[in-house]
Amino acid sequence: MLKICIAGATGWVGQALSKSLLQKADIQLTAGLSRSYAGRDLSEVLRLDGPPIPLFGHVTEALDAADFDVLIDFTNPTIAKSNVLAALKKGKRVILGTSGLSDADFEDIEQVASQKNSSVLAAGNFAITAVLLQRFAEMAARYIPEYELIDYAAAGKQDAPSGTVAELAYRLSLVQKPKIEVDIAATIGRKDARGATINGIQVHAVRLPGHVLAVEAIFGAKDEKLLLRHDAGSGADPYIQGILLAIQKINTFTGLRRGLDTVMDF
């Protein structure tokens, strides 16, 4: 039986995931991280019909006191990297859903995962439709060398771009960096109006009320264009299915993999 600790257990995704894991016969939720509810029982906090699940305020406390095999992190970018590295150094495997980490952060994580012969599956988005958008965009980038990305999220989202778009920009850059007809430096007027250049790709982040999460990959060629778009709803169910798949696959590889589709059969 695989034993799980959720970092961010009382958050939006963490709550839904906790409830789902308690329904699984082959998975045991043994601990959680929550600064707001440290020292309490997750089952009591979320009113779950299950055994006591201790909540810790820091990952080191959970690593010292709790028995688990996999850390699932849905926290924030200021603590996620340290959570992941601490877990890896103790021989744990990690599923990372927190956005806002840089490519340099992932290089550090990959190095430690390889050294410890452990595994990290990081995904900016665990929704299957978002995974399909990433895969379709990679296919399109092989044939259409001119494209840009638009990142939509709620007004209160602090990190930009979102983990979904950061991951997509990284992956598309490995396929083919876009051709830009007018060099950004040669822009007349405000160069920042052309967005941020991430991995050689122009990315535009929109933060407005009424948006949950969406990404557009826009491809252009002479006399034609292709729009690929993923929109998230307000519920966590789409992410839960992807996380459950990640749990099933986390023991099948070592090192770092970025993107849920890297462990899916296509």
Protein backbone atom coordinates (compact mmCIF):
# COMPACT_ATOMS: atom_id res chain seq x y z
CA MET A 1 0.00 0.00 0.00
CA LEU A 2 1.38 3.39 -1.00
CA LYS A 3 1.44 5.93 1.83
CA ILE A 4 0.89 9.60 1.02
CA CYS A 5 1.58 12.97 2.66
CA ILE A 6 -0.08 16.04 1.12
CA ALA A 7 1.63 19.41 1.45
CA GLY A 8 -1.19 21.92 1.29
CA ALA A 9 -3.72 19.38 2.57
CA THR A 10 -6.25 22.04 3.59
CA GLY A 11 -5.97 24.01 0.36
CA TRP A 12 -8.31 23.96 -2.62
CA VAL A 13 -6.77 20.94 -4.35
CA GLY A 14 -5.57 19.36 -1.09
CA GLN A 15 -9.06 19.13 0.37
CA ALA A 16 -10.52 17.44 -2.71
CA LEU A 17 -7.54 15.12 -3.01
CA SER A 18 -7.71 14.13 0.66
CA LYS A 19 -11.35 13.16 0.32
CA SER A 20 -10.60 11.15 -2.82
CA LEU A 21 -7.62 9.27 -1.36
CA LEU A 22 -9.68 8.07 1.59
CA GLN A 23 -11.84 6.17 -0.91
CA LYS A 24 -8.89 4.24 -2.35
CA ALA A 25 -8.17 0.77 -0.96
CA ASP A 26 -4.56 0.67 -2.22
CA ILE A 27 -3.55 4.15 -1.02
CA GLN A 28 -3.26 5.42 2.56
CA LEU A 29 -3.22 9.12 3.43
CA THR A 30 -1.00 9.19 6.53
CA ALA A 31 -0.09 12.87 6.98
CA GLY A 32 -0.53 16.40 5.74
CA LEU A 33 1.14 19.80 5.85
CA SER A 34 -0.83 22.90 6.78
CA ARG A 35 0.63 25.92 8.50
CA SER A 36 -2.83 27.14 9.48
CA TYR A 37 -3.89 23.85 11.09
CA ALA A 38 -0.57 22.43 12.29
CA GLY A 39 -1.02 20.07 15.24
CA ARG A 40 -4.59 19.20 14.36
CA ASP A 41 -6.24 16.19 12.74
CA LEU A 42 -6.99 16.52 9.01
CA SER A 43 -9.99 14.21 9.29
CA GLU A 44 -11.45 16.51 11.94
CA VAL A 45 -10.62 19.73 10.07
CA LEU A 46 -12.21 18.53 6.82
CA ARG A 47 -14.92 16.51 8.55
CA LEU A 48 -13.79 13.33 6.86
CA ASP A 49 -15.04 9.89 7.77
CA GLY A 50 -11.63 8.34 8.27
CA PRO A 51 -8.78 7.65 10.69
CA PRO A 52 -6.80 10.44 12.37
CA ILE A 53 -4.37 12.11 9.95
CA PRO A 54 -1.83 14.39 11.67
CA LEU A 55 -1.12 17.83 10.23
CA PHE A 56 2.36 19.32 10.47
CA GLY A 57 3.51 22.88 10.00
CA HIS A 58 6.78 22.08 8.25
CA VAL A 59 7.96 19.29 5.96
CA THR A 60 10.86 18.39 8.28
CA GLU A 61 8.39 17.66 11.08
CA ALA A 62 6.41 15.33 8.83
CA LEU A 63 9.58 13.60 7.63
CA ASP A 64 10.64 12.99 11.23
CA ALA A 65 7.30 11.87 12.65
CA ALA A 66 5.14 10.47 9.84
CA ASP A 67 5.36 7.31 7.76
CA PHE A 68 4.87 7.97 4.04
CA ASP A 69 6.33 7.06 0.64
CA VAL A 70 5.21 9.96 -1.54
CA LEU A 71 4.92 13.69 -0.91
CA ILE A 72 2.31 15.47 -3.01
CA ASP A 73 2.96 19.21 -3.01
CA PHE A 74 0.27 21.81 -3.74
CA THR A 75 1.61 24.75 -1.75
CA ASN A 76 3.25 27.89 -3.16
CA PRO A 77 6.54 28.56 -4.97
CA THR A 78 8.19 30.12 -1.90
CA ILE A 79 8.27 26.78 -0.05
CA ALA A 80 7.61 24.10 -2.68
CA LYS A 81 11.23 23.67 -3.78
CA SER A 82 12.49 23.26 -0.21
CA ASN A 83 9.67 20.76 0.47
CA VAL A 84 10.64 18.71 -2.57
CA LEU A 85 14.38 18.71 -1.85
CA ALA A 86 13.85 17.79 1.81
CA ALA A 87 11.60 14.87 0.85
CA LEU A 88 14.01 13.61 -1.82
CA LYS A 89 16.94 13.69 0.59
CA LYS A 90 14.93 11.42 2.89
CA GLY A 91 14.29 8.95 0.07
CA LYS A 92 10.71 9.98 -0.66
CA ARG A 93 9.16 10.30 -4.12
CA VAL A 94 7.39 13.52 -5.04
CA ILE A 95 4.42 14.64 -7.13
CA LEU A 96 4.66 18.38 -7.63
CA GLY A 97 1.66 20.46 -8.66
CA THR A 98 2.80 23.84 -7.31
CA SER A 99 3.36 26.48 -9.98
CA GLY A 100 5.90 29.28 -10.09
CA LEU A 101 9.15 27.28 -10.04
CA SER A 102 11.84 28.21 -12.55
CA ASP A 103 13.81 26.02 -14.95
CA ALA A 104 16.79 26.50 -12.63
CA ASP A 105 14.70 25.17 -9.73
CA PHE A 106 13.85 22.09 -11.75
CA GLU A 107 17.53 21.55 -12.59
CA ASP A 108 18.32 21.48 -8.87
CA ILE A 109 15.41 19.11 -8.20
CA GLU A 110 16.45 16.79 -11.02
CA GLN A 111 20.01 16.62 -9.69
CA VAL A 112 18.92 15.58 -6.20
CA ALA A 113 16.31 13.12 -7.51
CA SER A 114 18.95 11.42 -9.63
CA GLN A 115 21.46 11.36 -6.78
CA LYS A 116 18.94 9.73 -4.48
CA ASN A 117 17.65 7.36 -7.16
CA SER A 118 14.18 8.73 -6.52
CA SER A 119 11.53 10.31 -8.74
CA VAL A 120 9.68 13.60 -9.15
CA LEU A 121 6.71 14.07 -11.44
CA ALA A 122 6.03 17.79 -11.88
CA ALA A 123 3.04 19.09 -13.79
CA GLY A 124 1.80 22.62 -14.13
CA ASN A 125 -1.64 21.17 -14.67
CA PHE A 126 -2.94 17.67 -13.94
CA ALA A 127 -6.18 18.08 -15.91
CA ILE A 128 -6.30 15.64 -18.82
CA THR A 129 -7.54 18.32 -21.25
CA ALA A 130 -4.57 20.55 -20.34
CA VAL A 131 -2.23 17.61 -20.90
CA LEU A 132 -3.75 17.06 -24.33
CA LEU A 133 -3.32 20.76 -25.19
CA GLN A 134 0.38 20.49 -24.35
CA ARG A 135 0.80 17.43 -26.52
CA PHE A 136 -1.16 18.94 -29.44
CA ALA A 137 0.85 22.16 -29.16
CA GLU A 138 4.11 20.21 -29.37
CA MET A 139 2.84 18.55 -32.52
CA ALA A 140 1.88 21.91 -34.04
CA ALA A 141 5.21 23.54 -33.13
CA ARG A 142 7.04 21.01 -35.29
CA TYR A 143 5.28 22.33 -38.38
CA ILE A 144 4.36 25.94 -37.58
CA PRO A 145 7.38 27.96 -36.41
CA GLU A 146 5.49 31.12 -35.45
CA TYR A 147 3.50 31.03 -32.22
CA GLU A 148 2.85 32.80 -28.93
CA LEU A 149 1.17 31.88 -25.64
CA ILE A 150 -1.54 33.62 -23.61
CA ASP A 151 -1.96 32.83 -19.92
CA TYR A 152 -5.27 33.64 -18.21
CA ALA A 153 -5.90 33.45 -14.47
CA ALA A 154 -7.86 35.08 -11.65
CA ALA A 155 -6.93 38.56 -10.49
CA GLY A 156 -5.45 37.29 -7.24
CA LYS A 157 -2.97 34.83 -8.77
CA GLN A 158 0.48 36.12 -7.85
CA ASP A 159 2.76 33.99 -10.00
CA ALA A 160 3.09 34.66 -13.71
CA PRO A 161 3.14 32.79 -15.90
CA SER A 162 1.08 29.97 -14.44
CA GLY A 163 2.73 26.60 -14.00
CA THR A 164 0.75 25.32 -16.98
CA VAL A 165 2.12 28.00 -19.30
CA ALA A 166 5.66 27.90 -17.89
CA GLU A 167 5.74 24.16 -18.50
CA LEU A 168 4.30 24.60 -21.99
CA ALA A 169 6.86 27.28 -22.90
CA TYR A 170 9.68 25.03 -21.73
CA ARG A 171 8.44 22.06 -23.71
CA LEU A 172 7.71 23.97 -26.90
CA SER A 173 11.19 25.49 -26.80
CA LEU A 174 12.60 21.96 -26.96
CA VAL A 175 10.58 21.29 -30.12
CA GLN A 176 11.34 24.51 -32.00
CA LYS A 177 11.77 28.05 -30.77
CA PRO A 178 9.44 30.37 -32.64
CA LYS A 179 10.44 32.57 -35.51
CA ILE A 180 9.82 36.24 -34.66
CA GLU A 181 9.54 38.42 -37.75
CA VAL A 182 10.26 41.69 -35.96
CA ASP A 183 12.89 41.30 -33.27
CA ILE A 184 11.55 42.33 -29.85
CA ALA A 185 14.46 44.74 -29.40
CA ALA A 186 13.42 46.48 -32.62
CA THR A 187 9.87 47.11 -31.39
CA ILE A 188 8.83 50.73 -31.82
CA GLY A 189 7.13 51.98 -28.67
CA ARG A 190 6.87 49.82 -25.55
CA LYS A 191 8.86 46.62 -25.95
CA ASP A 192 7.14 45.15 -22.88
CA ALA A 193 3.84 45.34 -24.76
CA ARG A 194 5.08 42.28 -26.66
CA GLY A 195 4.95 40.24 -23.46
CA ALA A 196 7.68 38.38 -21.62
CA THR A 197 10.23 36.28 -23.47
CA ILE A 198 10.32 32.87 -21.78
CA ASN A 199 12.54 30.20 -23.32
CA GLY A 200 12.53 32.27 -26.49
CA ILE A 201 8.71 32.38 -26.61
CA GLN A 202 6.49 35.44 -26.17
CA VAL A 203 4.10 34.90 -23.25
CA HIS A 204 1.27 37.25 -22.28
CA ALA A 205 -0.27 36.92 -18.80
CA VAL A 206 -3.81 38.19 -18.13
CA ARG A 207 -4.99 38.47 -14.51
CA LEU A 208 -8.65 39.45 -14.20
CA PRO A 209 -11.72 38.60 -12.10
CA GLY A 210 -13.94 35.98 -13.67
CA HIS A 211 -11.05 33.82 -14.85
CA VAL A 212 -10.02 30.58 -13.18
CA LEU A 213 -7.28 29.27 -15.45
CA ALA A 214 -6.92 29.14 -19.22
CA VAL A 215 -4.12 28.89 -21.74
CA GLU A 216 -4.04 29.64 -25.45
CA ALA A 217 -1.35 28.50 -27.84
CA ILE A 218 -1.70 30.62 -30.98
CA PHE A 219 0.01 29.47 -34.18
CA GLY A 220 0.16 31.57 -37.35
CA ALA A 221 1.15 30.89 -40.94
CA LYS A 222 0.44 32.64 -44.22
CA ASP A 223 -3.34 32.81 -44.74
CA GLU A 224 -4.07 30.47 -41.82
CA LYS A 225 -3.97 30.22 -38.04
CA LEU A 226 -4.46 27.58 -35.38
CA LEU A 227 -5.82 28.23 -31.88
CA LEU A 228 -5.46 25.65 -29.12
CA ARG A 229 -7.16 26.54 -25.84
CA HIS A 230 -7.74 24.90 -22.48
CA ASP A 231 -10.20 26.34 -19.93
CA ALA A 232 -10.48 25.17 -16.35
CA GLY A 233 -13.67 25.30 -14.35
CA SER A 234 -14.04 26.17 -10.68
CA GLY A 235 -13.92 22.59 -9.38
CA ALA A 236 -10.90 20.42 -8.57
CA ASP A 237 -12.22 17.15 -10.04
CA PRO A 238 -10.26 17.36 -13.34
CA TYR A 239 -6.99 17.67 -11.40
CA ILE A 240 -7.79 14.80 -9.04
CA GLN A 241 -8.03 12.25 -11.85
CA GLY A 242 -4.64 13.30 -13.15
CA ILE A 243 -3.06 13.16 -9.68
CA LEU A 244 -4.41 9.66 -9.11
CA LEU A 245 -2.78 8.63 -12.38
CA ALA A 246 0.47 10.25 -11.24
CA ILE A 247 0.36 8.25 -8.01
CA GLN A 248 0.02 5.03 -10.01
CA LYS A 249 3.05 5.93 -12.13
CA ILE A 250 5.42 7.55 -9.62
CA ASN A 251 7.32 4.31 -8.97
CA THR A 252 7.88 3.55 -12.67
CA PHE A 253 10.84 5.88 -13.30
CA THR A 254 13.71 7.72 -11.63
CA GLY A 255 14.78 11.34 -11.93
CA LEU A 256 12.56 14.25 -12.93
CA ARG A 257 9.73 14.21 -15.43
CA ARG A 258 7.85 17.38 -16.34
CA GLY A 259 4.30 16.88 -17.56
CA LEU A 260 1.71 14.25 -16.78
CA ASP A 261 1.82 13.02 -20.36
CA THR A 262 5.40 11.79 -19.79
CA VAL A 263 3.91 8.86 -17.88
CA MET A 264 0.80 8.41 -20.03
CA ASP A 265 0.32 6.02 -22.96
CA PHE A 266 -0.37 7.85 -26.22
